[in-house]
Amino acid sequence: MILKFIQPSIDLMNIRVDEPITTATDIIMAAICFYAFIRIGKLEAGGRIKWYFKYYFLTLGLGALFGGILGHAFLYRLSEPWKLVSWVFTMLSVALMAYALLEMAGPLIRSSIIRLVKWFNLLVLAVALFITMWTLAFSPVKFYTIFGMLVVVGSLSFYIYQKTGKRCVVRFMLAVGLGLVSAFIFSFEMGLSPWFNHTDISHVILSASALIMYKGASLELQSPGTLL
């Protein structure tokens, strides 16, 4: 039997904070992403791939930060549509990561196929954004994330590894795998206690996933074209 744990609120300097651990784990994930954004920005090489990686971490970090503050801690002072801020940034981050892998796969796949996948990814993103903003439902965010990270990023990472043997993309596959574990735990609400529920566990795993993704991106940008 799966128990659903609802996290109590706390008072911090006479300010009510809902889901404090969930908020804290969101902020930790945001800090990891902002660190990756700054570090990647300092690298000299990379071109368009660097741009995609850099802004992937920025948008993912903003999604986590606004998710913690607007979607959890202080949503009681706001309204449900404020959740969209985090969700939109999260979907944009997935699209940027997908484009980064498409750029990496460019020398290995016909340009016409790359263009087709880019346009299809953009179409799926637009549909997911529209449905999300129209319905205020989280499910389109979840489904687009699965499509972008598993279907596009995961499959391209595996393809690049098969063709080149580059170990940096193994990190991407590992990060995607952790993301799937996180989604499973979140979907089935597999928490340990009210103070460390399924959302908290999911955030911790996603933080590890973001860190591993950064390691892979950093390796690719520092030594592109090599077997790392």
C-alpha atoms as a PDB file:
ATOM      1  CA  MET A   1       0.000   0.000   0.000  1.00  0.00           C
ATOM      2  CA  ILE A   2       1.353   3.415  -1.025  1.00  0.00           C
ATOM      3  CA  LEU A   3       0.886   6.176   1.534  1.00  0.00           C
ATOM      4  CA  LYS A   4       0.347   9.727   0.338  1.00  0.00           C
ATOM      5  CA  PHE A   5       2.260  12.133   2.558  1.00  0.00           C
ATOM      6  CA  ILE A   6       1.120  15.752   2.718  1.00  0.00           C
ATOM      7  CA  GLN A   7       3.832  18.074   3.971  1.00  0.00           C
ATOM      8  CA  PRO A   8       2.855  20.442   6.806  1.00  0.00           C
ATOM      9  CA  SER A   9       3.444  24.177   6.602  1.00  0.00           C
ATOM     10  CA  ILE A  10       5.867  26.033   8.859  1.00  0.00           C
ATOM     11  CA  ASP A  11       6.085  29.597  10.145  1.00  0.00           C
ATOM     12  CA  LEU A  12       9.325  31.374   9.295  1.00  0.00           C
ATOM     13  CA  MET A  13       9.622  34.796  10.943  1.00  0.00           C
ATOM     14  CA  ASN A  14       5.822  34.929  11.118  1.00  0.00           C
ATOM     15  CA  ILE A  15       5.556  34.064   7.411  1.00  0.00           C
ATOM     16  CA  ARG A  16       3.734  30.901   6.450  1.00  0.00           C
ATOM     17  CA  VAL A  17       5.767  28.653   4.162  1.00  0.00           C
ATOM     18  CA  ASP A  18       3.973  25.714   2.589  1.00  0.00           C
ATOM     19  CA  GLU A  19       5.848  22.499   1.745  1.00  0.00           C
ATOM     20  CA  PRO A  20       9.176  23.764   3.156  1.00  0.00           C
ATOM     21  CA  ILE A  21      11.292  20.713   2.297  1.00  0.00           C
ATOM     22  CA  THR A  22       9.863  20.623  -1.208  1.00  0.00           C
ATOM     23  CA  THR A  23      10.723  24.306  -1.580  1.00  0.00           C
ATOM     24  CA  ALA A  24      14.230  23.742  -0.237  1.00  0.00           C
ATOM     25  CA  THR A  25      14.937  20.846  -2.601  1.00  0.00           C
ATOM     26  CA  ASP A  26      13.697  22.964  -5.507  1.00  0.00           C
ATOM     27  CA  ILE A  27      16.087  25.749  -4.517  1.00  0.00           C
ATOM     28  CA  ILE A  28      18.981  23.276  -4.212  1.00  0.00           C
ATOM     29  CA  MET A  29      18.282  22.054  -7.732  1.00  0.00           C
ATOM     30  CA  ALA A  30      18.117  25.644  -8.974  1.00  0.00           C
ATOM     31  CA  ALA A  31      21.495  26.385  -7.365  1.00  0.00           C
ATOM     32  CA  ILE A  32      23.076  23.419  -9.166  1.00  0.00           C
ATOM     33  CA  CYS A  33      21.630  24.605 -12.482  1.00  0.00           C
ATOM     34  CA  PHE A  34      22.782  28.206 -11.987  1.00  0.00           C
ATOM     35  CA  TYR A  35      26.268  26.943 -11.113  1.00  0.00           C
ATOM     36  CA  ALA A  36      26.306  24.916 -14.339  1.00  0.00           C
ATOM     37  CA  PHE A  37      25.052  27.943 -16.301  1.00  0.00           C
ATOM     38  CA  ILE A  38      27.897  30.109 -14.983  1.00  0.00           C
ATOM     39  CA  ARG A  39      30.603  27.463 -15.459  1.00  0.00           C
ATOM     40  CA  ILE A  40      29.560  26.631 -19.011  1.00  0.00           C
ATOM     41  CA  GLY A  41      29.368  30.334 -19.835  1.00  0.00           C
ATOM     42  CA  LYS A  42      33.048  30.683 -18.929  1.00  0.00           C
ATOM     43  CA  LEU A  43      34.165  28.050 -21.428  1.00  0.00           C
ATOM     44  CA  GLU A  44      35.694  29.550 -24.562  1.00  0.00           C
ATOM     45  CA  ALA A  45      34.699  26.934 -27.139  1.00  0.00           C
ATOM     46  CA  GLY A  46      31.380  25.374 -27.962  1.00  0.00           C
ATOM     47  CA  GLY A  47      29.498  27.550 -30.436  1.00  0.00           C
ATOM     48  CA  ARG A  48      25.798  26.804 -30.812  1.00  0.00           C
ATOM     49  CA  ILE A  49      25.998  23.638 -28.710  1.00  0.00           C
ATOM     50  CA  LYS A  50      27.390  25.670 -25.836  1.00  0.00           C
ATOM     51  CA  TRP A  51      24.518  28.166 -26.183  1.00  0.00           C
ATOM     52  CA  TYR A  52      21.943  25.384 -25.966  1.00  0.00           C
ATOM     53  CA  PHE A  53      23.610  23.770 -22.947  1.00  0.00           C
ATOM     54  CA  LYS A  54      24.072  27.071 -21.154  1.00  0.00           C
ATOM     55  CA  TYR A  55      20.473  28.173 -21.504  1.00  0.00           C
ATOM     56  CA  TYR A  56      19.205  24.683 -20.775  1.00  0.00           C
ATOM     57  CA  PHE A  57      20.631  25.041 -17.289  1.00  0.00           C
ATOM     58  CA  LEU A  58      19.411  28.626 -16.917  1.00  0.00           C
ATOM     59  CA  THR A  59      15.817  27.796 -17.847  1.00  0.00           C
ATOM     60  CA  LEU A  60      15.836  24.572 -15.816  1.00  0.00           C
ATOM     61  CA  GLY A  61      17.164  26.512 -12.815  1.00  0.00           C
ATOM     62  CA  LEU A  62      14.507  29.193 -13.197  1.00  0.00           C
ATOM     63  CA  GLY A  63      11.861  26.495 -13.484  1.00  0.00           C
ATOM     64  CA  ALA A  64      13.036  24.900 -10.235  1.00  0.00           C
ATOM     65  CA  LEU A  65      13.362  28.240  -8.418  1.00  0.00           C
ATOM     66  CA  PHE A  66       9.928  29.515  -9.420  1.00  0.00           C
ATOM     67  CA  GLY A  67       8.479  26.082  -8.807  1.00  0.00           C
ATOM     68  CA  GLY A  68       9.703  26.181  -5.222  1.00  0.00           C
ATOM     69  CA  ILE A  69       8.721  29.770  -4.470  1.00  0.00           C
ATOM     70  CA  LEU A  70       5.571  30.262  -6.537  1.00  0.00           C
ATOM     71  CA  GLY A  71       4.348  26.690  -6.915  1.00  0.00           C
ATOM     72  CA  HIS A  72       4.946  25.431  -3.391  1.00  0.00           C
ATOM     73  CA  ALA A  73       5.986  27.905  -0.702  1.00  0.00           C
ATOM     74  CA  PHE A  74       3.631  30.813  -1.406  1.00  0.00           C
ATOM     75  CA  LEU A  75       1.011  29.503  -3.788  1.00  0.00           C
ATOM     76  CA  TYR A  76      -1.587  30.104  -1.058  1.00  0.00           C
ATOM     77  CA  ARG A  77      -1.020  33.858  -1.559  1.00  0.00           C
ATOM     78  CA  LEU A  78      -1.259  33.591  -5.328  1.00  0.00           C
ATOM     79  CA  SER A  79      -3.474  31.642  -7.713  1.00  0.00           C
ATOM     80  CA  GLU A  80      -3.117  28.406  -9.679  1.00  0.00           C
ATOM     81  CA  PRO A  81      -1.937  30.077 -12.940  1.00  0.00           C
ATOM     82  CA  TRP A  82       1.287  31.107 -11.189  1.00  0.00           C
ATOM     83  CA  LYS A  83       2.368  27.469 -11.483  1.00  0.00           C
ATOM     84  CA  LEU A  84       2.683  28.075 -15.223  1.00  0.00           C
ATOM     85  CA  VAL A  85       5.855  30.139 -14.720  1.00  0.00           C
ATOM     86  CA  SER A  86       7.783  27.097 -13.531  1.00  0.00           C
ATOM     87  CA  TRP A  87       6.168  24.725 -16.013  1.00  0.00           C
ATOM     88  CA  VAL A  88       6.928  26.924 -19.041  1.00  0.00           C
ATOM     89  CA  PHE A  89      10.584  27.318 -18.062  1.00  0.00           C
ATOM     90  CA  THR A  90      10.834  23.561 -17.530  1.00  0.00           C
ATOM     91  CA  MET A  91       9.458  22.771 -20.988  1.00  0.00           C
ATOM     92  CA  LEU A  92      11.773  25.334 -22.591  1.00  0.00           C
ATOM     93  CA  SER A  93      14.739  23.696 -20.876  1.00  0.00           C
ATOM     94  CA  VAL A  94      13.761  20.297 -22.305  1.00  0.00           C
ATOM     95  CA  ALA A  95      13.543  21.797 -25.801  1.00  0.00           C
ATOM     96  CA  LEU A  96      16.994  23.376 -25.447  1.00  0.00           C
ATOM     97  CA  MET A  97      18.541  20.086 -24.337  1.00  0.00           C
ATOM     98  CA  ALA A  98      16.934  18.320 -27.286  1.00  0.00           C
ATOM     99  CA  TYR A  99      18.401  20.911 -29.670  1.00  0.00           C
ATOM    100  CA  ALA A 100      21.833  20.528 -28.078  1.00  0.00           C
ATOM    101  CA  LEU A 101      21.809  16.789 -28.821  1.00  0.00           C
ATOM    102  CA  LEU A 102      20.523  17.405 -32.336  1.00  0.00           C
ATOM    103  CA  GLU A 103      23.489  19.726 -32.911  1.00  0.00           C
ATOM    104  CA  MET A 104      25.870  17.078 -31.571  1.00  0.00           C
ATOM    105  CA  ALA A 105      24.310  14.468 -33.850  1.00  0.00           C
ATOM    106  CA  GLY A 106      24.466  16.797 -36.865  1.00  0.00           C
ATOM    107  CA  PRO A 107      27.678  15.341 -38.367  1.00  0.00           C
ATOM    108  CA  LEU A 108      26.237  11.810 -38.067  1.00  0.00           C
ATOM    109  CA  ILE A 109      22.731  12.273 -39.452  1.00  0.00           C
ATOM    110  CA  ARG A 110      21.472  13.780 -42.712  1.00  0.00           C
ATOM    111  CA  SER A 111      20.694  17.481 -42.339  1.00  0.00           C
ATOM    112  CA  SER A 112      17.169  16.994 -43.692  1.00  0.00           C
ATOM    113  CA  ILE A 113      16.372  14.555 -40.877  1.00  0.00           C
ATOM    114  CA  ILE A 114      17.864  16.903 -38.279  1.00  0.00           C
ATOM    115  CA  ARG A 115      15.708  19.759 -39.572  1.00  0.00           C
ATOM    116  CA  LEU A 116      12.620  17.554 -39.547  1.00  0.00           C
ATOM    117  CA  VAL A 117      13.180  16.490 -35.946  1.00  0.00           C
ATOM    118  CA  LYS A 118      13.841  20.098 -34.902  1.00  0.00           C
ATOM    119  CA  TRP A 119      10.574  21.289 -36.430  1.00  0.00           C
ATOM    120  CA  PHE A 120       8.647  18.335 -34.991  1.00  0.00           C
ATOM    121  CA  ASN A 121      10.095  19.013 -31.546  1.00  0.00           C
ATOM    122  CA  LEU A 122       9.060  22.659 -31.870  1.00  0.00           C
ATOM    123  CA  LEU A 123       5.536  21.608 -32.859  1.00  0.00           C
ATOM    124  CA  VAL A 124       5.210  19.227 -29.917  1.00  0.00           C
ATOM    125  CA  LEU A 125       6.510  21.954 -27.588  1.00  0.00           C
ATOM    126  CA  ALA A 126       3.982  24.479 -28.936  1.00  0.00           C
ATOM    127  CA  VAL A 127       1.099  22.024 -28.502  1.00  0.00           C
ATOM    128  CA  ALA A 128       2.217  21.147 -24.971  1.00  0.00           C
ATOM    129  CA  LEU A 129       2.536  24.825 -24.024  1.00  0.00           C
ATOM    130  CA  PHE A 130      -0.902  25.620 -25.431  1.00  0.00           C
ATOM    131  CA  ILE A 131      -2.635  22.731 -23.647  1.00  0.00           C
ATOM    132  CA  THR A 132      -0.831  23.499 -20.397  1.00  0.00           C
ATOM    133  CA  MET A 133      -1.812  27.180 -20.420  1.00  0.00           C
ATOM    134  CA  TRP A 134      -5.357  26.383 -21.517  1.00  0.00           C
ATOM    135  CA  THR A 135      -6.054  23.665 -18.955  1.00  0.00           C
ATOM    136  CA  LEU A 136      -3.581  24.503 -16.154  1.00  0.00           C
ATOM    137  CA  ALA A 137      -2.820  20.771 -16.094  1.00  0.00           C
ATOM    138  CA  PHE A 138       0.633  19.353 -15.366  1.00  0.00           C
ATOM    139  CA  SER A 139       0.232  16.292 -17.587  1.00  0.00           C
ATOM    140  CA  PRO A 140       1.329  18.029 -20.848  1.00  0.00           C
ATOM    141  CA  VAL A 141       4.516  19.129 -19.074  1.00  0.00           C
ATOM    142  CA  LYS A 142       5.163  15.564 -18.016  1.00  0.00           C
ATOM    143  CA  PHE A 143       4.458  14.099 -21.433  1.00  0.00           C
ATOM    144  CA  TYR A 144       6.578  16.673 -23.282  1.00  0.00           C
ATOM    145  CA  THR A 145       9.438  16.094 -20.840  1.00  0.00           C
ATOM    146  CA  ILE A 146       9.241  12.350 -21.493  1.00  0.00           C
ATOM    147  CA  PHE A 147       9.211  12.986 -25.244  1.00  0.00           C
ATOM    148  CA  GLY A 148      12.064  15.483 -25.212  1.00  0.00           C
ATOM    149  CA  MET A 149      14.350  13.783 -22.721  1.00  0.00           C
ATOM    150  CA  LEU A 150      13.670  10.112 -23.400  1.00  0.00           C
ATOM    151  CA  VAL A 151      12.750  10.003 -27.089  1.00  0.00           C
ATOM    152  CA  VAL A 152      15.011  12.784 -28.379  1.00  0.00           C
ATOM    153  CA  VAL A 153      17.880  13.200 -25.883  1.00  0.00           C
ATOM    154  CA  GLY A 154      18.056   9.571 -24.777  1.00  0.00           C
ATOM    155  CA  SER A 155      17.870   8.029 -28.232  1.00  0.00           C
ATOM    156  CA  LEU A 156      20.308  10.536 -29.768  1.00  0.00           C
ATOM    157  CA  SER A 157      22.767   9.996 -26.917  1.00  0.00           C
ATOM    158  CA  PHE A 158      22.656   6.253 -27.511  1.00  0.00           C
ATOM    159  CA  TYR A 159      23.060   6.745 -31.262  1.00  0.00           C
ATOM    160  CA  ILE A 160      26.034   9.081 -30.828  1.00  0.00           C
ATOM    161  CA  TYR A 161      27.670   6.639 -28.447  1.00  0.00           C
ATOM    162  CA  GLN A 162      27.198   3.773 -30.884  1.00  0.00           C
ATOM    163  CA  LYS A 163      28.717   5.771 -33.728  1.00  0.00           C
ATOM    164  CA  THR A 164      31.548   7.514 -31.904  1.00  0.00           C
ATOM    165  CA  GLY A 165      32.082   5.824 -28.543  1.00  0.00           C
ATOM    166  CA  LYS A 166      32.052   9.206 -26.813  1.00  0.00           C
ATOM    167  CA  ARG A 167      31.586   8.586 -23.122  1.00  0.00           C
ATOM    168  CA  CYS A 168      30.296  12.077 -22.424  1.00  0.00           C
ATOM    169  CA  VAL A 169      26.916  11.052 -23.857  1.00  0.00           C
ATOM    170  CA  VAL A 170      26.813   8.144 -21.412  1.00  0.00           C
ATOM    171  CA  ARG A 171      26.364  10.819 -18.761  1.00  0.00           C
ATOM    172  CA  PHE A 172      23.375  12.147 -20.655  1.00  0.00           C
ATOM    173  CA  MET A 173      21.847   8.674 -20.768  1.00  0.00           C
ATOM    174  CA  LEU A 174      22.461   8.234 -17.045  1.00  0.00           C
ATOM    175  CA  ALA A 175      20.863  11.628 -16.351  1.00  0.00           C
ATOM    176  CA  VAL A 176      17.828  10.678 -18.451  1.00  0.00           C
ATOM    177  CA  GLY A 177      17.591   7.365 -16.601  1.00  0.00           C
ATOM    178  CA  LEU A 178      17.572   9.167 -13.251  1.00  0.00           C
ATOM    179  CA  GLY A 179      14.867  11.436 -14.614  1.00  0.00           C
ATOM    180  CA  LEU A 180      12.723   8.397 -15.366  1.00  0.00           C
ATOM    181  CA  VAL A 181      13.245   7.085 -11.827  1.00  0.00           C
ATOM    182  CA  SER A 182      12.219  10.489 -10.508  1.00  0.00           C
ATOM    183  CA  ALA A 183       9.087  10.508 -12.689  1.00  0.00           C
ATOM    184  CA  PHE A 184       8.155   7.018 -11.463  1.00  0.00           C
ATOM    185  CA  ILE A 185       8.510   7.998  -7.815  1.00  0.00           C
ATOM    186  CA  PHE A 186       6.568  11.219  -8.365  1.00  0.00           C
ATOM    187  CA  SER A 187       3.770   9.594 -10.363  1.00  0.00           C
ATOM    188  CA  PHE A 188       3.198   6.825  -7.823  1.00  0.00           C
ATOM    189  CA  GLU A 189       3.706   9.176  -4.838  1.00  0.00           C
ATOM    190  CA  MET A 190       6.351   6.979  -3.226  1.00  0.00           C
ATOM    191  CA  GLY A 191       7.292   9.066  -0.195  1.00  0.00           C
ATOM    192  CA  LEU A 192       9.028   8.193   3.049  1.00  0.00           C
ATOM    193  CA  SER A 193       7.316  10.624   5.424  1.00  0.00           C
ATOM    194  CA  PRO A 194       5.438  13.930   5.411  1.00  0.00           C
ATOM    195  CA  TRP A 195       8.818  15.655   5.753  1.00  0.00           C
ATOM    196  CA  PHE A 196      10.374  13.782   2.846  1.00  0.00           C
ATOM    197  CA  ASN A 197       7.583  12.894   0.485  1.00  0.00           C
ATOM    198  CA  HIS A 198       7.526  11.795  -3.157  1.00  0.00           C
ATOM    199  CA  THR A 199       8.093  15.338  -4.441  1.00  0.00           C
ATOM    200  CA  ASP A 200      11.157  15.825  -2.230  1.00  0.00           C
ATOM    201  CA  ILE A 201      12.672  12.521  -3.325  1.00  0.00           C
ATOM    202  CA  SER A 202      11.965  13.403  -6.946  1.00  0.00           C
ATOM    203  CA  HIS A 203      13.714  16.766  -6.561  1.00  0.00           C
ATOM    204  CA  VAL A 204      16.799  15.184  -4.990  1.00  0.00           C
ATOM    205  CA  ILE A 205      17.081  12.684  -7.855  1.00  0.00           C
ATOM    206  CA  LEU A 206      16.547  15.439 -10.436  1.00  0.00           C
ATOM    207  CA  SER A 207      19.291  17.478  -8.761  1.00  0.00           C
ATOM    208  CA  ALA A 208      21.681  14.551  -9.201  1.00  0.00           C
ATOM    209  CA  SER A 209      20.483  14.224 -12.797  1.00  0.00           C
ATOM    210  CA  ALA A 210      21.208  17.910 -13.471  1.00  0.00           C
ATOM    211  CA  LEU A 211      24.695  17.578 -11.992  1.00  0.00           C
ATOM    212  CA  ILE A 212      25.467  14.558 -14.171  1.00  0.00           C
ATOM    213  CA  MET A 213      24.070  16.373 -17.206  1.00  0.00           C
ATOM    214  CA  TYR A 214      26.425  19.260 -16.439  1.00  0.00           C
ATOM    215  CA  LYS A 215      29.396  16.895 -16.249  1.00  0.00           C
ATOM    216  CA  GLY A 216      28.511  15.485 -19.665  1.00  0.00           C
ATOM    217  CA  ALA A 217      28.001  18.914 -21.214  1.00  0.00           C
ATOM    218  CA  SER A 218      31.251  20.194 -19.737  1.00  0.00           C
ATOM    219  CA  LEU A 219      33.203  17.240 -21.113  1.00  0.00           C
ATOM    220  CA  GLU A 220      31.722  17.706 -24.576  1.00  0.00           C
ATOM    221  CA  LEU A 221      32.448  21.425 -24.668  1.00  0.00           C
ATOM    222  CA  GLN A 222      35.995  21.142 -23.347  1.00  0.00           C
ATOM    223  CA  SER A 223      37.014  18.338 -25.716  1.00  0.00           C
ATOM    224  CA  PRO A 224      34.542  18.162 -28.606  1.00  0.00           C
ATOM    225  CA  GLY A 225      35.004  15.309 -31.023  1.00  0.00           C
ATOM    226  CA  THR A 226      37.133  13.229 -28.666  1.00  0.00           C
ATOM    227  CA  LEU A 227      36.389   9.958 -26.929  1.00  0.00           C
ATOM    228  CA  LEU A 228      36.164  11.029 -23.297  1.00  0.00           C
END
